[in-house]
């Protein structure tokens, strides 16, 4: 079920995350990996894409510009075209609803990282894709809560969080800074 919204710690966490999301609402999206995902996977244009922690319409619009029309965007702070969802709780979608979960700079903000990763994996169909970009080599704080240290650290946490095989397709980035990971979840490819 996820953390209770009645605990003072979780309420404080939500308040801080929403405040940060509001402050970053007009910040340009981090979408440079979209082209690499498409090129390396030959993701079909009818693929169902979930932008987790989208903040605004920029991420889904980048997918739309590339011909992907089945894109859903969610964030803690809803806005036009972005619906409310909390990755720390059960997301409002059926198991296996998406071919690709796109999570750019979202998992480091999770209240419980393993819970958020398990919920993200639940959204992806067997053989589907999960993309994550995240910072490394920083001191965790109220907003950026989890430093997994590297692509390998993220993959280890991802494997622990769900019960399907995780097949890395590529990793990128140059620590200290951003790291990006694209994986297939399950025995078959996309």
Protein backbone atom coordinates (compact mmCIF):
# COMPACT_ATOMS: atom_id res chain seq x y z
CA UNK A 1 0.00 0.00 0.00
CA UNK A 2 2.86 2.39 0.59
CA UNK A 3 3.60 4.92 3.30
CA UNK A 4 0.78 6.44 5.27
CA UNK A 5 -0.05 10.03 4.41
CA UNK A 6 -0.82 10.57 8.08
CA UNK A 7 2.78 10.39 9.33
CA UNK A 8 4.43 13.76 9.99
CA UNK A 9 7.63 12.64 8.25
CA UNK A 10 5.85 11.71 5.03
CA UNK A 11 3.71 14.86 5.05
CA UNK A 12 6.86 16.95 5.45
CA UNK A 13 8.51 15.01 2.63
CA UNK A 14 5.52 15.59 0.33
CA UNK A 15 5.40 19.28 1.15
CA UNK A 16 9.09 19.69 0.37
CA UNK A 17 8.91 17.67 -2.88
CA UNK A 18 5.88 19.60 -4.14
CA UNK A 19 7.56 22.91 -3.26
CA UNK A 20 10.65 21.88 -5.22
CA UNK A 21 8.53 20.66 -8.15
CA UNK A 22 6.70 24.00 -8.22
CA UNK A 23 9.99 25.90 -8.21
CA UNK A 24 11.28 23.80 -11.14
CA UNK A 25 8.04 23.75 -13.13
CA UNK A 26 9.38 26.07 -15.86
CA UNK A 27 12.85 24.53 -16.00
CA UNK A 28 13.70 22.98 -19.39
CA UNK A 29 13.23 19.20 -19.48
CA UNK A 30 16.04 16.70 -19.44
CA UNK A 31 15.11 14.91 -22.63
CA UNK A 32 18.46 14.33 -24.34
CA UNK A 33 18.15 10.58 -23.81
CA UNK A 34 14.88 10.19 -25.71
CA UNK A 35 16.58 9.98 -29.10
CA UNK A 36 19.08 7.40 -27.76
CA UNK A 37 16.25 5.27 -26.37
CA UNK A 38 14.40 5.33 -29.68
CA UNK A 39 17.52 4.63 -31.75
CA UNK A 40 18.82 1.78 -29.59
CA UNK A 41 15.50 0.00 -29.13
CA UNK A 42 13.58 0.82 -32.31
CA UNK A 43 10.65 1.59 -30.01
CA UNK A 44 7.50 1.37 -32.16
CA UNK A 45 5.40 4.52 -32.47
CA UNK A 46 2.40 2.78 -30.89
CA UNK A 47 4.39 2.11 -27.69
CA UNK A 48 2.77 3.16 -24.43
CA UNK A 49 5.13 5.54 -22.59
CA UNK A 50 4.82 6.69 -18.96
CA UNK A 51 6.77 9.84 -18.01
CA UNK A 52 7.14 9.51 -14.24
CA UNK A 53 7.79 12.79 -12.45
CA UNK A 54 7.28 14.81 -15.62
CA UNK A 55 6.86 18.17 -13.83
CA UNK A 56 5.24 19.77 -16.89
CA UNK A 57 4.29 19.00 -20.51
CA UNK A 58 7.87 19.22 -21.82
CA UNK A 59 8.80 15.52 -21.53
CA UNK A 60 5.61 14.12 -23.06
CA UNK A 61 5.72 16.81 -25.76
CA UNK A 62 9.21 15.62 -26.75
CA UNK A 63 7.76 12.12 -27.23
CA UNK A 64 4.81 13.54 -29.21
CA UNK A 65 7.22 15.45 -31.49
CA UNK A 66 8.87 12.15 -32.33
CA UNK A 67 5.56 10.53 -33.29
CA UNK A 68 4.62 8.82 -30.01
CA UNK A 69 0.98 9.48 -29.18
CA UNK A 70 0.34 7.05 -26.33
CA UNK A 71 2.19 9.03 -23.67
CA UNK A 72 1.02 9.58 -20.10
CA UNK A 73 2.69 12.10 -17.78
CA UNK A 74 2.40 12.04 -13.98
CA UNK A 75 3.86 14.09 -11.14
CA UNK A 76 3.20 14.98 -7.51
CA UNK A 77 2.17 18.43 -8.73
CA UNK A 78 -0.44 18.04 -11.48
CA UNK A 79 -0.76 20.57 -14.27
CA UNK A 80 -2.49 20.67 -17.68
CA UNK A 81 -1.60 17.38 -19.39
CA UNK A 82 0.15 16.00 -16.27
CA UNK A 83 -1.94 14.01 -13.83
CA UNK A 84 -1.32 13.51 -10.13
CA UNK A 85 0.46 10.34 -9.04
CA UNK A 86 2.84 9.47 -6.22
CA UNK A 87 5.50 6.86 -7.04
CA UNK A 88 5.73 6.07 -3.33
CA UNK A 89 2.17 4.76 -3.35
CA UNK A 90 0.31 2.58 -5.80
CA UNK A 91 0.20 4.33 -9.17
CA UNK A 92 -3.26 4.54 -10.78
CA UNK A 93 -2.48 2.11 -13.62
CA UNK A 94 -2.85 -1.64 -14.08
CA UNK A 95 0.15 -3.96 -13.96
CA UNK A 96 2.09 -3.99 -17.24
CA UNK A 97 0.31 -0.91 -18.62
CA UNK A 98 3.39 0.55 -20.32
CA UNK A 99 6.04 -0.47 -22.83
CA UNK A 100 8.47 2.14 -21.47
CA UNK A 101 8.73 3.96 -18.18
CA UNK A 102 10.77 7.16 -18.60
CA UNK A 103 12.07 8.47 -15.27
CA UNK A 104 14.48 11.36 -15.67
CA UNK A 105 15.73 12.64 -12.33
CA UNK A 106 12.94 11.19 -10.26
CA UNK A 107 14.15 8.15 -8.31
CA UNK A 108 16.66 10.09 -6.20
CA UNK A 109 13.63 11.90 -4.71
CA UNK A 110 11.77 8.76 -3.56
CA UNK A 111 10.66 8.44 0.05
CA UNK A 112 11.47 4.69 -0.04
CA UNK A 113 13.64 3.93 -3.08
CA UNK A 114 12.98 0.19 -3.22
CA UNK A 115 9.22 0.75 -2.98
CA UNK A 116 9.29 3.37 -5.76
CA UNK A 117 11.39 1.10 -8.00
CA UNK A 118 9.06 -1.85 -7.40
CA UNK A 119 6.06 0.32 -8.26
CA UNK A 120 7.76 1.61 -11.42
CA UNK A 121 8.55 -1.95 -12.51
CA UNK A 122 4.95 -2.97 -11.88
CA UNK A 123 3.87 -0.48 -14.55
CA UNK A 124 6.13 -2.01 -17.24
CA UNK A 125 4.97 -5.01 -19.29
CA UNK A 126 7.05 -8.19 -19.40
CA UNK A 127 9.95 -7.45 -21.74
CA UNK A 128 9.27 -3.71 -21.52
CA UNK A 129 11.78 -0.95 -20.87
CA UNK A 130 12.67 1.21 -17.90
CA UNK A 131 14.82 4.32 -18.33
CA UNK A 132 16.28 6.22 -15.40
CA UNK A 133 18.62 9.20 -15.25
CA UNK A 134 19.90 10.32 -11.86
CA UNK A 135 22.69 12.26 -10.18
CA UNK A 136 25.52 10.55 -8.33
CA UNK A 137 28.29 11.64 -5.97
CA UNK A 138 26.22 14.09 -3.95
CA UNK A 139 25.30 14.42 -0.29
CA UNK A 140 21.71 13.27 0.20
CA UNK A 141 19.32 15.87 1.57
CA UNK A 142 15.56 16.41 2.02
CA UNK A 143 15.00 16.72 -1.72
CA UNK A 144 17.69 14.50 -3.27
CA UNK A 145 17.38 11.58 -0.87
CA UNK A 146 19.18 8.67 -2.58
CA UNK A 147 22.67 8.48 -4.07
CA UNK A 148 23.03 5.00 -5.57
CA UNK A 149 26.62 5.82 -6.51
CA UNK A 150 26.70 4.50 -10.08
CA UNK A 151 24.78 2.74 -12.82
CA UNK A 152 25.75 -0.57 -11.20
CA UNK A 153 24.40 0.65 -7.85
CA UNK A 154 21.09 1.55 -9.46
CA UNK A 155 20.89 -1.81 -11.25
CA UNK A 156 21.53 -3.65 -7.97
CA UNK A 157 18.70 -1.72 -6.25
CA UNK A 158 16.42 -2.35 -9.24
CA UNK A 159 17.11 -6.10 -9.13
CA UNK A 160 16.33 -6.18 -5.40
CA UNK A 161 13.10 -4.22 -5.82
CA UNK A 162 11.30 -6.55 -8.22
CA UNK A 163 11.18 -10.20 -9.20
CA UNK A 164 11.88 -10.12 -12.94
CA UNK A 165 15.23 -10.36 -14.66
CA UNK A 166 16.85 -6.98 -15.38
CA UNK A 167 18.75 -6.86 -18.66
CA UNK A 168 20.82 -3.68 -19.08
CA UNK A 169 20.70 -2.36 -22.65
CA UNK A 170 22.98 0.60 -22.05
CA UNK A 171 24.33 2.93 -19.40
CA UNK A 172 25.73 6.38 -19.87
CA UNK A 173 26.83 9.52 -18.13
CA UNK A 174 30.00 10.70 -16.53
CA UNK A 175 30.15 10.76 -12.73
CA UNK A 176 30.20 12.96 -10.83
CA UNK A 177 27.08 14.16 -12.48
CA UNK A 178 24.33 12.42 -14.36
CA UNK A 179 24.09 8.69 -14.93
CA UNK A 180 21.54 7.10 -17.26
CA UNK A 181 20.39 3.50 -17.48
CA UNK A 182 18.09 1.72 -19.94
CA UNK A 183 17.00 -1.81 -19.04
CA UNK A 184 14.59 -4.44 -20.32
CA UNK A 185 12.49 -6.04 -17.59
CA UNK A 186 11.94 -9.72 -18.17
CA UNK A 187 13.35 -12.41 -20.41
CA UNK A 188 12.39 -10.93 -23.78
CA UNK A 189 13.33 -7.69 -25.52
CA UNK A 190 11.07 -4.76 -26.37
